[in-house]
Protein backbone atom coordinates (compact mmCIF):
# COMPACT_ATOMS: atom_id res chain seq x y z
CA MET A 1 42.83 -139.58 -93.00
CA TRP A 2 42.96 -136.61 -95.64
CA LYS A 3 39.79 -135.98 -96.10
CA TRP A 4 39.14 -135.66 -92.93
CA VAL A 5 41.85 -132.77 -92.09
CA ILE A 6 40.54 -131.60 -95.13
CA VAL A 7 36.82 -131.14 -93.83
CA VAL A 8 37.84 -130.03 -90.21
CA LEU A 9 39.95 -127.25 -91.68
CA VAL A 10 36.91 -126.07 -94.08
CA VAL A 11 34.60 -126.11 -90.75
CA MET A 12 37.45 -123.99 -89.14
CA LEU A 13 37.26 -121.36 -92.19
CA GLY A 14 33.34 -121.57 -91.74
CA LEU A 15 33.11 -121.07 -88.58
CA MET A 16 35.84 -117.97 -88.52
CA GLN A 17 34.17 -116.30 -91.42
CA TYR A 18 30.80 -116.32 -89.76
CA ARG A 19 32.42 -114.94 -86.40
CA LEU A 20 34.30 -112.29 -89.39
CA TRP A 21 30.46 -111.26 -90.38
CA PHE A 22 28.27 -111.95 -87.71
CA GLY A 23 30.02 -112.26 -84.59
CA GLU A 24 31.50 -109.37 -81.63
CA GLY A 25 33.47 -106.73 -83.55
CA GLY A 26 32.65 -107.92 -86.90
CA ILE A 27 31.22 -106.64 -90.49
CA ARG A 28 27.81 -106.49 -89.01
CA GLU A 29 28.58 -104.47 -85.82
CA PHE A 30 31.10 -102.17 -87.70
CA ASN A 31 28.31 -101.24 -89.99
CA ASP A 32 25.85 -100.42 -87.35
CA ILE A 33 28.45 -98.71 -85.50
CA GLN A 34 29.00 -96.43 -88.95
CA ALA A 35 25.15 -95.49 -88.82
CA ARG A 36 24.88 -94.23 -85.85
CA ALA A 37 27.94 -92.22 -86.19
CA ASP A 38 26.68 -90.59 -89.54
CA ALA A 39 23.28 -89.82 -87.73
CA LEU A 40 25.05 -88.14 -85.09
CA GLU A 41 26.98 -86.26 -87.43
CA GLY A 42 24.06 -84.89 -88.82
CA THR A 43 22.94 -83.78 -85.41
CA THR A 44 26.19 -82.01 -84.65
CA ASP A 45 26.28 -80.15 -87.75
CA ARG A 46 22.75 -78.93 -86.84
CA LEU A 47 23.53 -78.13 -83.82
CA GLU A 48 26.64 -76.09 -84.63
CA ALA A 49 25.11 -73.99 -86.71
CA ARG A 50 22.53 -73.19 -84.14
CA ASN A 51 25.21 -72.44 -81.62
CA ASP A 52 27.10 -70.15 -84.41
CA ARG A 53 23.81 -68.13 -84.57
CA LEU A 54 22.86 -68.05 -81.35
CA ALA A 55 26.73 -66.74 -80.63
CA ALA A 56 26.07 -63.98 -82.84
CA GLU A 57 22.90 -62.70 -81.93
CA VAL A 58 24.48 -62.83 -78.42
CA VAL A 59 27.40 -60.57 -79.72
CA ASP A 60 24.94 -58.26 -81.71
CA LEU A 61 22.76 -57.56 -78.54
CA LYS A 62 25.97 -57.15 -76.32
CA ASN A 63 27.23 -54.66 -79.06
CA GLY A 64 23.97 -53.00 -80.85
CA LEU A 65 21.15 -51.33 -79.74
CA ASP A 66 19.21 -52.20 -83.33
CA ALA A 67 19.16 -55.76 -82.14
CA ILE A 68 17.94 -55.07 -78.84
CA GLU A 69 15.45 -52.79 -80.39
CA GLU A 70 14.47 -55.81 -83.25
CA ARG A 71 14.04 -58.24 -80.81
CA ALA A 72 11.88 -56.22 -78.24
CA ARG A 73 9.48 -55.40 -81.76
CA SER A 74 8.82 -59.19 -82.46
CA ASP A 75 8.90 -60.72 -79.10
CA ILE A 76 6.61 -58.48 -77.12
CA GLY A 77 5.20 -56.00 -79.80
CA MET A 78 7.09 -52.85 -78.57
CA VAL A 79 6.11 -49.44 -80.32
CA ARG A 80 8.15 -46.50 -80.34
CA GLN A 81 6.18 -42.77 -79.57
CA ASP A 82 6.07 -42.02 -82.97
CA GLU A 83 4.46 -44.77 -84.85
CA GLN A 84 0.97 -45.50 -85.10
CA PHE A 85 0.46 -49.36 -84.13
CA PHE A 86 -2.40 -51.36 -86.50
CA TRP A 87 -3.17 -54.48 -86.20
CA VAL A 88 -4.30 -56.69 -89.44
CA THR A 89 -6.10 -59.79 -88.89
CA GLY A 90 -6.34 -62.69 -90.92
CA VAL A 91 -2.53 -62.29 -92.18
CA ASP A 92 -0.68 -64.89 -90.30
CA ASP A 93 -3.84 -67.41 -90.32
CA PRO A 94 -3.41 -69.28 -92.98
CA GLY A 95 -7.01 -71.18 -92.65
CA ASN A 96 -8.68 -68.38 -93.27
CA GLY A 97 -9.70 -68.11 -96.55
CA PRO A 98 -8.49 -67.15 -99.93
CA ALA A 99 -7.57 -63.34 -98.92
CA ALA A 100 -5.20 -65.17 -96.18
CA SER A 101 -3.37 -67.05 -98.96
CA THR A 102 -2.98 -64.35 -101.36
CA GLY A 103 -1.80 -61.94 -98.53
CA GLY A 104 -4.41 -59.83 -99.52
CA ALA A 105 -6.60 -58.03 -96.33
CA GLN A 106 -10.22 -59.15 -95.59
CA PRO A 107 -13.48 -57.24 -95.42
């Protein structure tokens, strides 16, 4: 009789361990949720850094003309009246031979 009681208790303990490790709300599910939270935290950090840069750029654009001038020069290629514009070909194209990779001009 005690032998059957012990067997039943061992089986119940095994079922409870199975549920702890593999069941709903168990260790495996906890580890999966933890991995997803870590991935989302990395994404959140990257997006927060981007938002900080954008906020600083907005403040710069609201307060200073230098930022507006820099943005106009880089985005739409504006040139002041007292400047001369020279178009250098092949400098930004890395697949344009050895002259482009060394930073030299092509003939």
